[in-house]
Amino acid sequence: MFRHDIPLMKMPFGKYRGCQLWELPNGYLRWLVSLLDLREPLRSAVYAELRARADHNRGRPPHARALPDPQVARDLIAAGRRVLAAKYHPDAGGGHEVMVAINLAADWLEAQVR
């Protein structure tokens, strides 16, 4: 999503120091706004980012609103690949073509996470 109206600002402190606001998870942004001593212009930029996310998600179905954590998604893809490989690997009685299809599908899913 192009954020032309939100100032590009990097986190000056904490776990996500040096990251752009648009890279931060929703929970971290909500925690930031709960801080009483959060100073300007960071406070305004965090509010603007949260508003932009809310506007972007408005009207979308709940399952499409939240993007999964990339590491969790990669772990799930890897686990699925292992389960299917154990079942369809040529050494387990499967075929080469099926394994190629499994690997292609897993590679495509991993590319979607990036």
PDB file of N, CA and C in Angstrom:
ATOM      1  N   MET A   1       0.849  -1.180   0.000  1.00  0.00           N
ATOM      2  CA  MET A   1       0.000   0.000   0.000  1.00  0.00           C
ATOM      3  C   MET A   1       0.890   1.237   0.000  1.00  0.00           C
ATOM      4  N   PHE A   2       0.616   2.156  -0.896  1.00  0.00           N
ATOM      5  CA  PHE A   2       1.398   3.378  -0.991  1.00  0.00           C
ATOM      6  C   PHE A   2       0.905   4.371   0.038  1.00  0.00           C
ATOM      7  N   ARG A   3       1.796   4.861   0.858  1.00  0.00           N
ATOM      8  CA  ARG A   3       1.420   5.766   1.938  1.00  0.00           C
ATOM      9  C   ARG A   3       2.003   7.142   1.647  1.00  0.00           C
ATOM     10  N   HIS A   4       1.409   7.841   0.692  1.00  0.00           N
ATOM     11  CA  HIS A   4       1.934   9.145   0.300  1.00  0.00           C
ATOM     12  C   HIS A   4       1.619  10.244   1.312  1.00  0.00           C
ATOM     13  N   ASP A   5       0.616  10.016   2.155  1.00  0.00           N
ATOM     14  CA  ASP A   5       0.229  11.060   3.104  1.00  0.00           C
ATOM     15  C   ASP A   5       0.799  10.832   4.503  1.00  0.00           C
ATOM     16  N   ILE A   6       1.566   9.759   4.690  1.00  0.00           N
ATOM     17  CA  ILE A   6       2.137   9.456   5.996  1.00  0.00           C
ATOM     18  C   ILE A   6       3.633   9.709   5.925  1.00  0.00           C
ATOM     19  N   PRO A   7       4.160  10.489   6.852  1.00  0.00           N
ATOM     20  CA  PRO A   7       5.600  10.739   6.814  1.00  0.00           C
ATOM     21  C   PRO A   7       6.376   9.450   7.048  1.00  0.00           C
ATOM     22  N   LEU A   8       7.427   9.266   6.264  1.00  0.00           N
ATOM     23  CA  LEU A   8       8.280   8.099   6.463  1.00  0.00           C
ATOM     24  C   LEU A   8       9.120   8.359   7.705  1.00  0.00           C
ATOM     25  N   MET A   9       8.910   7.544   8.687  1.00  0.00           N
ATOM     26  CA  MET A   9       9.585   7.750   9.951  1.00  0.00           C
ATOM     27  C   MET A   9      10.110   6.420  10.442  1.00  0.00           C
ATOM     28  N   LYS A  10      11.309   6.443  10.976  1.00  0.00           N
ATOM     29  CA  LYS A  10      11.901   5.236  11.544  1.00  0.00           C
ATOM     30  C   LYS A  10      11.740   5.260  13.054  1.00  0.00           C
ATOM     31  N   MET A  11      11.586   4.072  13.613  1.00  0.00           N
ATOM     32  CA  MET A  11      11.482   3.961  15.063  1.00  0.00           C
ATOM     33  C   MET A  11      12.818   4.368  15.683  1.00  0.00           C
ATOM     34  N   PRO A  12      12.781   5.300  16.627  1.00  0.00           N
ATOM     35  CA  PRO A  12      14.026   5.763  17.238  1.00  0.00           C
ATOM     36  C   PRO A  12      14.488   4.904  18.410  1.00  0.00           C
ATOM     37  N   PHE A  13      13.670   3.940  18.860  1.00  0.00           N
ATOM     38  CA  PHE A  13      14.023   3.162  20.043  1.00  0.00           C
ATOM     39  C   PHE A  13      13.332   1.811  19.989  1.00  0.00           C
ATOM     40  N   GLY A  14      13.727   0.960  20.916  1.00  0.00           N
ATOM     41  CA  GLY A  14      13.016  -0.288  21.160  1.00  0.00           C
ATOM     42  C   GLY A  14      13.373  -1.434  20.233  1.00  0.00           C
ATOM     43  N   LYS A  15      12.543  -2.437  20.302  1.00  0.00           N
ATOM     44  CA  LYS A  15      12.709  -3.686  19.581  1.00  0.00           C
ATOM     45  C   LYS A  15      12.817  -3.476  18.072  1.00  0.00           C
ATOM     46  N   TYR A  16      12.078  -2.496  17.547  1.00  0.00           N
ATOM     47  CA  TYR A  16      12.037  -2.241  16.114  1.00  0.00           C
ATOM     48  C   TYR A  16      12.827  -0.989  15.720  1.00  0.00           C
ATOM     49  N   ARG A  17      13.832  -0.652  16.486  1.00  0.00           N
ATOM     50  CA  ARG A  17      14.641   0.538  16.202  1.00  0.00           C
ATOM     51  C   ARG A  17      15.188   0.477  14.777  1.00  0.00           C
ATOM     52  N   GLY A  18      14.986   1.566  14.037  1.00  0.00           N
ATOM     53  CA  GLY A  18      15.463   1.656  12.661  1.00  0.00           C
ATOM     54  C   GLY A  18      14.474   1.183  11.620  1.00  0.00           C
ATOM     55  N   CYS A  19      13.369   0.570  12.037  1.00  0.00           N
ATOM     56  CA  CYS A  19      12.350   0.096  11.096  1.00  0.00           C
ATOM     57  C   CYS A  19      11.372   1.226  10.767  1.00  0.00           C
ATOM     58  N   GLN A  20      10.857   1.213   9.549  1.00  0.00           N
ATOM     59  CA  GLN A  20       9.806   2.154   9.169  1.00  0.00           C
ATOM     60  C   GLN A  20       8.516   1.786   9.903  1.00  0.00           C
ATOM     61  N   LEU A  21       7.666   2.767  10.140  1.00  0.00           N
ATOM     62  CA  LEU A  21       6.417   2.492  10.864  1.00  0.00           C
ATOM     63  C   LEU A  21       5.541   1.488  10.142  1.00  0.00           C
ATOM     64  N   TRP A  22       5.540   1.534   8.810  1.00  0.00           N
ATOM     65  CA  TRP A  22       4.675   0.609   8.079  1.00  0.00           C
ATOM     66  C   TRP A  22       5.129  -0.838   8.232  1.00  0.00           C
ATOM     67  N   GLU A  23       6.350  -1.066   8.721  1.00  0.00           N
ATOM     68  CA  GLU A  23       6.856  -2.423   8.918  1.00  0.00           C
ATOM     69  C   GLU A  23       6.458  -3.003  10.278  1.00  0.00           C
ATOM     70  N   LEU A  24       5.966  -2.176  11.180  1.00  0.00           N
ATOM     71  CA  LEU A  24       5.689  -2.617  12.545  1.00  0.00           C
ATOM     72  C   LEU A  24       4.366  -3.366  12.623  1.00  0.00           C
ATOM     73  N   PRO A  25       4.279  -4.374  13.496  1.00  0.00           N
ATOM     74  CA  PRO A  25       3.019  -5.080  13.695  1.00  0.00           C
ATOM     75  C   PRO A  25       1.985  -4.185  14.384  1.00  0.00           C
ATOM     76  N   ASN A  26       0.721  -4.493  14.171  1.00  0.00           N
ATOM     77  CA  ASN A  26      -0.367  -3.708  14.757  1.00  0.00           C
ATOM     78  C   ASN A  26      -0.274  -3.632  16.276  1.00  0.00           C
ATOM     79  N   GLY A  27       0.034  -4.756  16.911  1.00  0.00           N
ATOM     80  CA  GLY A  27       0.113  -4.769  18.369  1.00  0.00           C
ATOM     81  C   GLY A  27       1.167  -3.818  18.909  1.00  0.00           C
ATOM     82  N   TYR A  28       2.284  -3.721  18.216  1.00  0.00           N
ATOM     83  CA  TYR A  28       3.341  -2.813  18.662  1.00  0.00           C
ATOM     84  C   TYR A  28       2.901  -1.361  18.492  1.00  0.00           C
ATOM     85  N   LEU A  29       2.221  -1.064  17.383  1.00  0.00           N
ATOM     86  CA  LEU A  29       1.721   0.308  17.189  1.00  0.00           C
ATOM     87  C   LEU A  29       0.702   0.677  18.256  1.00  0.00           C
ATOM     88  N   ARG A  30      -0.184  -0.265  18.585  1.00  0.00           N
ATOM     89  CA  ARG A  30      -1.175   0.009  19.639  1.00  0.00           C
ATOM     90  C   ARG A  30      -0.487   0.222  20.984  1.00  0.00           C
ATOM     91  N   TRP A  31       0.576  -0.527  21.251  1.00  0.00           N
ATOM     92  CA  TRP A  31       1.322  -0.330  22.487  1.00  0.00           C
ATOM     93  C   TRP A  31       1.970   1.054  22.491  1.00  0.00           C
ATOM     94  N   LEU A  32       2.497   1.475  21.356  1.00  0.00           N
ATOM     95  CA  LEU A  32       3.127   2.794  21.284  1.00  0.00           C
ATOM     96  C   LEU A  32       2.149   3.909  21.632  1.00  0.00           C
ATOM     97  N   VAL A  33       0.919   3.828  21.113  1.00  0.00           N
ATOM     98  CA  VAL A  33      -0.024   4.912  21.400  1.00  0.00           C
ATOM     99  C   VAL A  33      -0.464   4.890  22.857  1.00  0.00           C
ATOM    100  N   SER A  34      -0.268   3.760  23.545  1.00  0.00           N
ATOM    101  CA  SER A  34      -0.635   3.723  24.966  1.00  0.00           C
ATOM    102  C   SER A  34       0.406   4.408  25.850  1.00  0.00           C
ATOM    103  N   LEU A  35       1.581   4.674  25.290  1.00  0.00           N
ATOM    104  CA  LEU A  35       2.628   5.338  26.069  1.00  0.00           C
ATOM    105  C   LEU A  35       2.268   6.800  26.280  1.00  0.00           C
ATOM    106  N   LEU A  36       2.250   7.233  27.505  1.00  0.00           N
ATOM    107  CA  LEU A  36       1.878   8.607  27.807  1.00  0.00           C
ATOM    108  C   LEU A  36       2.959   9.607  27.407  1.00  0.00           C
ATOM    109  N   ASP A  37       4.207   9.172  27.404  1.00  0.00           N
ATOM    110  CA  ASP A  37       5.294  10.110  27.119  1.00  0.00           C
ATOM    111  C   ASP A  37       5.803  10.028  25.676  1.00  0.00           C
ATOM    112  N   LEU A  38       5.027   9.438  24.772  1.00  0.00           N
ATOM    113  CA  LEU A  38       5.424   9.380  23.372  1.00  0.00           C
ATOM    114  C   LEU A  38       5.333  10.779  22.773  1.00  0.00           C
ATOM    115  N   ARG A  39       6.426  11.243  22.224  1.00  0.00           N
ATOM    116  CA  ARG A  39       6.514  12.631  21.771  1.00  0.00           C
ATOM    117  C   ARG A  39       6.218  12.769  20.290  1.00  0.00           C
ATOM    118  N   GLU A  40       5.923  14.003  19.924  1.00  0.00           N
ATOM    119  CA  GLU A  40       5.757  14.357  18.515  1.00  0.00           C
ATOM    120  C   GLU A  40       7.123  14.396  17.863  1.00  0.00           C
ATOM    121  N   PRO A  41       7.252  14.118  16.617  1.00  0.00           N
ATOM    122  CA  PRO A  41       6.230  13.789  15.623  1.00  0.00           C
ATOM    123  C   PRO A  41       5.899  12.298  15.569  1.00  0.00           C
ATOM    124  N   LEU A  42       6.566  11.487  16.419  1.00  0.00           N
ATOM    125  CA  LEU A  42       6.322  10.049  16.398  1.00  0.00           C
ATOM    126  C   LEU A  42       4.873   9.715  16.724  1.00  0.00           C
ATOM    127  N   ARG A  43       4.294  10.386  17.716  1.00  0.00           N
ATOM    128  CA  ARG A  43       2.912  10.104  18.095  1.00  0.00           C
ATOM    129  C   ARG A  43       1.969  10.299  16.912  1.00  0.00           C
ATOM    130  N   SER A  44       2.104  11.409  16.214  1.00  0.00           N
ATOM    131  CA  SER A  44       1.232  11.685  15.059  1.00  0.00           C
ATOM    132  C   SER A  44       1.445  10.676  13.945  1.00  0.00           C
ATOM    133  N   ALA A  45       2.698  10.293  13.727  1.00  0.00           N
ATOM    134  CA  ALA A  45       2.988   9.331  12.665  1.00  0.00           C
ATOM    135  C   ALA A  45       2.401   7.958  12.988  1.00  0.00           C
ATOM    136  N   VAL A  46       2.450   7.551  14.252  1.00  0.00           N
ATOM    137  CA  VAL A  46       1.876   6.265  14.655  1.00  0.00           C
ATOM    138  C   VAL A  46       0.363   6.293  14.479  1.00  0.00           C
ATOM    139  N   TYR A  47      -0.285   7.365  14.910  1.00  0.00           N
ATOM    140  CA  TYR A  47      -1.732   7.488  14.716  1.00  0.00           C
ATOM    141  C   TYR A  47      -2.082   7.456  13.230  1.00  0.00           C
ATOM    142  N   ALA A  48      -1.302   8.151  12.410  1.00  0.00           N
ATOM    143  CA  ALA A  48      -1.565   8.171  10.966  1.00  0.00           C
ATOM    144  C   ALA A  48      -1.427   6.775  10.368  1.00  0.00           C
ATOM    145  N   GLU A  49      -0.433   6.044  10.813  1.00  0.00           N
ATOM    146  CA  GLU A  49      -0.242   4.674  10.314  1.00  0.00           C
ATOM    147  C   GLU A  49      -1.408   3.782  10.709  1.00  0.00           C
ATOM    148  N   LEU A  50      -1.855   3.882  11.951  1.00  0.00           N
ATOM    149  CA  LEU A  50      -3.001   3.082  12.389  1.00  0.00           C
ATOM    150  C   LEU A  50      -4.270   3.445  11.618  1.00  0.00           C
ATOM    151  N   ARG A  51      -4.473   4.754  11.371  1.00  0.00           N
ATOM    152  CA  ARG A  51      -5.636   5.179  10.576  1.00  0.00           C
ATOM    153  C   ARG A  51      -5.551   4.637   9.149  1.00  0.00           C
ATOM    154  N   ALA A  52      -4.357   4.678   8.565  1.00  0.00           N
ATOM    155  CA  ALA A  52      -4.189   4.171   7.200  1.00  0.00           C
ATOM    156  C   ALA A  52      -4.483   2.672   7.137  1.00  0.00           C
ATOM    157  N   ARG A  53      -4.057   1.945   8.141  1.00  0.00           N
ATOM    158  CA  ARG A  53      -4.341   0.503   8.164  1.00  0.00           C
ATOM    159  C   ARG A  53      -5.825   0.247   8.329  1.00  0.00           C
ATOM    160  N   ALA A  54      -6.477   1.029   9.175  1.00  0.00           N
ATOM    161  CA  ALA A  54      -7.917   0.863   9.368  1.00  0.00           C
ATOM    162  C   ALA A  54      -8.666   1.187   8.073  1.00  0.00           C
ATOM    163  N   ASP A  55      -8.270   2.261   7.393  1.00  0.00           N
ATOM    164  CA  ASP A  55      -8.914   2.618   6.131  1.00  0.00           C
ATOM    165  C   ASP A  55      -8.680   1.548   5.084  1.00  0.00           C
ATOM    166  N   HIS A  56      -7.482   1.003   5.057  1.00  0.00           N
ATOM    167  CA  HIS A  56      -7.150  -0.033   4.082  1.00  0.00           C
ATOM    168  C   HIS A  56      -7.978  -1.298   4.329  1.00  0.00           C
ATOM    169  N   ASN A  57      -8.226  -1.612   5.594  1.00  0.00           N
ATOM    170  CA  ASN A  57      -8.942  -2.841   5.942  1.00  0.00           C
ATOM    171  C   ASN A  57     -10.458  -2.691   5.928  1.00  0.00           C
ATOM    172  N   ARG A  58     -10.952  -1.465   5.901  1.00  0.00           N
ATOM    173  CA  ARG A  58     -12.395  -1.241   5.948  1.00  0.00           C
ATOM    174  C   ARG A  58     -13.062  -1.911   4.751  1.00  0.00           C
ATOM    175  N   GLY A  59     -14.085  -2.682   5.022  1.00  0.00           N
ATOM    176  CA  GLY A  59     -14.837  -3.340   3.965  1.00  0.00           C
ATOM    177  C   GLY A  59     -14.253  -4.666   3.514  1.00  0.00           C
ATOM    178  N   ARG A  60     -13.115  -5.050   4.055  1.00  0.00           N
ATOM    179  CA  ARG A  60     -12.519  -6.325   3.689  1.00  0.00           C
ATOM    180  C   ARG A  60     -12.988  -7.394   4.660  1.00  0.00           C
ATOM    181  N   PRO A  61     -13.100  -8.638   4.204  1.00  0.00           N
ATOM    182  CA  PRO A  61     -13.497  -9.705   5.130  1.00  0.00           C
ATOM    183  C   PRO A  61     -12.433  -9.888   6.210  1.00  0.00           C
ATOM    184  N   PRO A  62     -12.844 -10.336   7.402  1.00  0.00           N
ATOM    185  CA  PRO A  62     -11.900 -10.445   8.526  1.00  0.00           C
ATOM    186  C   PRO A  62     -10.661 -11.276   8.223  1.00  0.00           C
ATOM    187  N   HIS A  63     -10.803 -12.363   7.460  1.00  0.00           N
ATOM    188  CA  HIS A  63      -9.642 -13.206   7.192  1.00  0.00           C
ATOM    189  C   HIS A  63      -8.632 -12.515   6.280  1.00  0.00           C
ATOM    190  N   ALA A  64      -9.036 -11.489   5.555  1.00  0.00           N
ATOM    191  CA  ALA A  64      -8.122 -10.793   4.652  1.00  0.00           C
ATOM    192  C   ALA A  64      -7.510  -9.553   5.302  1.00  0.00           C
ATOM    193  N   ARG A  65      -7.918  -9.220   6.498  1.00  0.00           N
ATOM    194  CA  ARG A  65      -7.454  -7.987   7.135  1.00  0.00           C
ATOM    195  C   ARG A  65      -6.058  -8.102   7.714  1.00  0.00           C
ATOM    196  N   ALA A  66      -5.760  -9.216   8.309  1.00  0.00           N
ATOM    197  CA  ALA A  66      -4.478  -9.356   8.992  1.00  0.00           C
ATOM    198  C   ALA A  66      -3.550 -10.242   8.167  1.00  0.00           C
ATOM    199  N   LEU A  67      -2.371  -9.757   7.932  1.00  0.00           N
ATOM    200  CA  LEU A  67      -1.381 -10.562   7.253  1.00  0.00           C
ATOM    201  C   LEU A  67      -0.651 -11.395   8.287  1.00  0.00           C
ATOM    202  N   PRO A  68      -0.341 -12.658   7.937  1.00  0.00           N
ATOM    203  CA  PRO A  68       0.347 -13.498   8.915  1.00  0.00           C
ATOM    204  C   PRO A  68       1.783 -13.034   9.120  1.00  0.00           C
ATOM    205  N   ASP A  69       2.311 -13.372  10.256  1.00  0.00           N
ATOM    206  CA  ASP A  69       3.717 -13.126  10.525  1.00  0.00           C
ATOM    207  C   ASP A  69       4.506 -13.923   9.487  1.00  0.00           C
ATOM    208  N   PRO A  70       5.435 -13.292   8.757  1.00  0.00           N
ATOM    209  CA  PRO A  70       6.154 -14.012   7.702  1.00  0.00           C
ATOM    210  C   PRO A  70       6.882 -15.265   8.186  1.00  0.00           C
ATOM    211  N   GLN A  71       7.461 -15.211   9.375  1.00  0.00           N
ATOM    212  CA  GLN A  71       8.175 -16.394   9.872  1.00  0.00           C
ATOM    213  C   GLN A  71       7.206 -17.529  10.169  1.00  0.00           C
ATOM    214  N   VAL A  72       6.049 -17.217  10.728  1.00  0.00           N
ATOM    215  CA  VAL A  72       5.040 -18.246  10.996  1.00  0.00           C
ATOM    216  C   VAL A  72       4.567 -18.861   9.684  1.00  0.00           C
ATOM    217  N   ALA A  73       4.335 -18.019   8.689  1.00  0.00           N
ATOM    218  CA  ALA A  73       3.896 -18.526   7.384  1.00  0.00           C
ATOM    219  C   ALA A  73       4.963 -19.435   6.773  1.00  0.00           C
ATOM    220  N   ARG A  74       6.235 -19.026   6.844  1.00  0.00           N
ATOM    221  CA  ARG A  74       7.305 -19.867   6.292  1.00  0.00           C
ATOM    222  C   ARG A  74       7.403 -21.202   7.045  1.00  0.00           C
ATOM    223  N   ASP A  75       7.231 -21.168   8.367  1.00  0.00           N
ATOM    224  CA  ASP A  75       7.270 -22.411   9.147  1.00  0.00           C
ATOM    225  C   ASP A  75       6.129 -23.347   8.759  1.00  0.00           C
ATOM    226  N   LEU A  76       4.937 -22.785   8.543  1.00  0.00           N
ATOM    227  CA  LEU A  76       3.796 -23.613   8.135  1.00  0.00           C
ATOM    228  C   LEU A  76       4.015 -24.217   6.750  1.00  0.00           C
ATOM    229  N   ILE A  77       4.568 -23.437   5.847  1.00  0.00           N
ATOM    230  CA  ILE A  77       4.848 -23.946   4.504  1.00  0.00           C
ATOM    231  C   ILE A  77       5.869 -25.074   4.572  1.00  0.00           C
ATOM    232  N   ALA A  78       6.928 -24.886   5.360  1.00  0.00           N
ATOM    233  CA  ALA A  78       7.959 -25.918   5.501  1.00  0.00           C
ATOM    234  C   ALA A  78       7.384 -27.191   6.123  1.00  0.00           C
ATOM    235  N   ALA A  79       6.515 -27.045   7.124  1.00  0.00           N
ATOM    236  CA  ALA A  79       5.904 -28.208   7.765  1.00  0.00           C
ATOM    237  C   ALA A  79       5.012 -28.955   6.777  1.00  0.00           C
ATOM    238  N   GLY A  80       4.248 -28.204   5.997  1.00  0.00           N
ATOM    239  CA  GLY A  80       3.395 -28.835   4.985  1.00  0.00           C
ATOM    240  C   GLY A  80       4.212 -29.561   3.939  1.00  0.00           C
ATOM    241  N   ARG A  81       5.314 -28.945   3.536  1.00  0.00           N
ATOM    242  CA  ARG A  81       6.196 -29.588   2.545  1.00  0.00           C
ATOM    243  C   ARG A  81       6.742 -30.904   3.106  1.00  0.00           C
ATOM    244  N   ARG A  82       7.154 -30.911   4.385  1.00  0.00           N
ATOM    245  CA  ARG A  82       7.700 -32.135   4.993  1.00  0.00           C
ATOM    246  C   ARG A  82       6.643 -33.238   5.063  1.00  0.00           C
ATOM    247  N   VAL A  83       5.427 -32.879   5.463  1.00  0.00           N
ATOM    248  CA  VAL A  83       4.359 -33.878   5.568  1.00  0.00           C
ATOM    249  C   VAL A  83       4.055 -34.480   4.198  1.00  0.00           C
ATOM    250  N   LEU A  84       3.924 -33.624   3.190  1.00  0.00           N
ATOM    251  CA  LEU A  84       3.620 -34.125   1.849  1.00  0.00           C
ATOM    252  C   LEU A  84       4.795 -34.903   1.257  1.00  0.00           C
ATOM    253  N   ALA A  85       6.021 -34.469   1.549  1.00  0.00           N
ATOM    254  CA  ALA A  85       7.190 -35.197   1.052  1.00  0.00           C
ATOM    255  C   ALA A  85       7.255 -36.592   1.662  1.00  0.00           C
ATOM    256  N   ALA A  86       6.947 -36.702   2.942  1.00  0.00           N
ATOM    257  CA  ALA A  86       6.959 -38.012   3.589  1.00  0.00           C
ATOM    258  C   ALA A  86       5.920 -38.941   2.964  1.00  0.00           C
ATOM    259  N   LYS A  87       4.831 -38.378   2.515  1.00  0.00           N
ATOM    260  CA  LYS A  87       3.751 -39.183   1.943  1.00  0.00           C
ATOM    261  C   LYS A  87       3.989 -39.505   0.464  1.00  0.00           C
ATOM    262  N   TYR A  88       4.492 -38.535  -0.309  1.00  0.00           N
ATOM    263  CA  TYR A  88       4.549 -38.687  -1.761  1.00  0.00           C
ATOM    264  C   TYR A  88       5.963 -38.794  -2.335  1.00  0.00           C
ATOM    265  N   HIS A  89       6.990 -38.871  -1.514  1.00  0.00           N
ATOM    266  CA  HIS A  89       8.360 -38.995  -2.019  1.00  0.00           C
ATOM    267  C   HIS A  89       8.505 -40.312  -2.784  1.00  0.00           C
ATOM    268  N   PRO A  90       9.304 -40.318  -3.845  1.00  0.00           N
ATOM    269  CA  PRO A  90       9.481 -41.566  -4.613  1.00  0.00           C
ATOM    270  C   PRO A  90       9.970 -42.741  -3.755  1.00  0.00           C
ATOM    271  N   ASP A  91      10.771 -42.469  -2.749  1.00  0.00           N
ATOM    272  CA  ASP A  91      11.233 -43.553  -1.866  1.00  0.00           C
ATOM    273  C   ASP A  91      10.104 -44.109  -0.999  1.00  0.00           C
ATOM    274  N   ALA A  92       9.016 -43.337  -0.844  1.00  0.00           N
ATOM    275  CA  ALA A  92       7.878 -43.788  -0.042  1.00  0.00           C
ATOM    276  C   ALA A  92       6.743 -44.306  -0.921  1.00  0.00           C
ATOM    277  N   GLY A  93       7.035 -44.520  -2.196  1.00  0.00           N
ATOM    278  CA  GLY A  93       6.019 -45.054  -3.096  1.00  0.00           C
ATOM    279  C   GLY A  93       5.322 -44.004  -3.940  1.00  0.00           C
ATOM    280  N   GLY A  94       5.737 -42.741  -3.816  1.00  0.00           N
ATOM    281  CA  GLY A  94       5.144 -41.676  -4.622  1.00  0.00           C
ATOM    282  C   GLY A  94       5.867 -41.539  -5.943  1.00  0.00           C
ATOM    283  N   GLY A  95       5.582 -40.452  -6.639  1.00  0.00           N
ATOM    284  CA  GLY A  95       6.202 -40.251  -7.938  1.00  0.00           C
ATOM    285  C   GLY A  95       6.988 -38.954  -8.005  1.00  0.00           C
ATOM    286  N   HIS A  96       7.898 -38.915  -8.963  1.00  0.00           N
ATOM    287  CA  HIS A  96       8.731 -37.734  -9.167  1.00  0.00           C
ATOM    288  C   HIS A  96       7.883 -36.511  -9.519  1.00  0.00           C
ATOM    289  N   GLU A  97       6.891 -36.684 -10.387  1.00  0.00           N
ATOM    290  CA  GLU A  97       6.058 -35.566 -10.825  1.00  0.00           C
ATOM    291  C   GLU A  97       5.286 -34.943  -9.662  1.00  0.00           C
ATOM    292  N   VAL A  98       4.830 -35.773  -8.748  1.00  0.00           N
ATOM    293  CA  VAL A  98       4.091 -35.263  -7.588  1.00  0.00           C
ATOM    294  C   VAL A  98       5.021 -34.440  -6.704  1.00  0.00           C
ATOM    295  N   MET A  99       6.251 -34.913  -6.503  1.00  0.00           N
ATOM    296  CA  MET A  99       7.207 -34.162  -5.680  1.00  0.00           C
ATOM    297  C   MET A  99       7.578 -32.839  -6.333  1.00  0.00           C
ATOM    298  N   VAL A 100       7.695 -32.822  -7.649  1.00  0.00           N
ATOM    299  CA  VAL A 100       7.976 -31.573  -8.349  1.00  0.00           C
ATOM    300  C   VAL A 100       6.827 -30.595  -8.129  1.00  0.00           C
ATOM    301  N   ALA A 101       5.595 -31.088  -8.218  1.00  0.00           N
ATOM    302  CA  ALA A 101       4.423 -30.226  -8.009  1.00  0.00           C
ATOM    303  C   ALA A 101       4.377 -29.701  -6.575  1.00  0.00           C
ATOM    304  N   ILE A 102       4.693 -30.537  -5.603  1.00  0.00           N
ATOM    305  CA  ILE A 102       4.706 -30.114  -4.199  1.00  0.00           C
ATOM    306  C   ILE A 102       5.745 -29.019  -3.991  1.00  0.00           C
ATOM    307  N   ASN A 103       6.932 -29.214  -4.527  1.00  0.00           N
ATOM    308  CA  ASN A 103       7.997 -28.218  -4.365  1.00  0.00           C
ATOM    309  C   ASN A 103       7.670 -26.918  -5.077  1.00  0.00           C
ATOM    310  N   LEU A 104       7.089 -27.004  -6.254  1.00  0.00           N
ATOM    311  CA  LEU A 104       6.684 -25.788  -6.965  1.00  0.00           C
ATOM    312  C   LEU A 104       5.622 -25.019  -6.181  1.00  0.00           C
ATOM    313  N   ALA A 105       4.650 -25.727  -5.632  1.00  0.00           N
ATOM    314  CA  ALA A 105       3.585 -25.074  -4.860  1.00  0.00           C
ATOM    315  C   ALA A 105       4.150 -24.425  -3.597  1.00  0.00           C
ATOM    316  N   ALA A 106       5.046 -25.137  -2.908  1.00  0.00           N
ATOM    317  CA  ALA A 106       5.640 -24.580  -1.690  1.00  0.00           C
ATOM    318  C   ALA A 106       6.503 -23.366  -2.017  1.00  0.00           C
ATOM    319  N   ASP A 107       7.256 -23.441  -3.112  1.00  0.00           N
ATOM    320  CA  ASP A 107       8.080 -22.290  -3.515  1.00  0.00           C
ATOM    321  C   ASP A 107       7.212 -21.088  -3.859  1.00  0.00           C
ATOM    322  N   TRP A 108       6.074 -21.333  -4.516  1.00  0.00           N
ATOM    323  CA  TRP A 108       5.166 -20.235  -4.868  1.00  0.00           C
ATOM    324  C   TRP A 108       4.592 -19.603  -3.597  1.00  0.00           C
ATOM    325  N   LEU A 109       4.192 -20.431  -2.644  1.00  0.00           N
ATOM    326  CA  LEU A 109       3.659 -19.895  -1.389  1.00  0.00           C
ATOM    327  C   LEU A 109       4.707 -19.074  -0.648  1.00  0.00           C
ATOM    328  N   GLU A 110       5.938 -19.548  -0.616  1.00  0.00           N
ATOM    329  CA  GLU A 110       6.999 -18.802   0.050  1.00  0.00           C
ATOM    330  C   GLU A 110       7.238 -17.450  -0.626  1.00  0.00           C
ATOM    331  N   ALA A 111       7.113 -17.427  -1.950  1.00  0.00           N
ATOM    332  CA  ALA A 111       7.275 -16.160  -2.672  1.00  0.00           C
ATOM    333  C   ALA A 111       6.156 -15.179  -2.324  1.00  0.00           C
ATOM    334  N   GLN A 112       4.965 -15.688  -2.038  1.00  0.00           N
ATOM    335  CA  GLN A 112       3.846 -14.826  -1.666  1.00  0.00           C
ATOM    336  C   GLN A 112       4.053 -14.202  -0.291  1.00  0.00           C
ATOM    337  N   VAL A 113       4.779 -14.882   0.574  1.00  0.00           N
ATOM    338  CA  VAL A 113       5.035 -14.376   1.924  1.00  0.00           C
ATOM    339  C   VAL A 113       6.003 -13.212   1.870  1.00  0.00           C
ATOM    340  N   ARG A 114       6.942 -13.212   0.931  1.00  0.00           N
ATOM    341  CA  ARG A 114       7.942 -12.149   0.818  1.00  0.00           C
ATOM    342  C   ARG A 114       7.333 -10.885   0.389  1.00  0.00           C
TER     343      ARG A 114
END
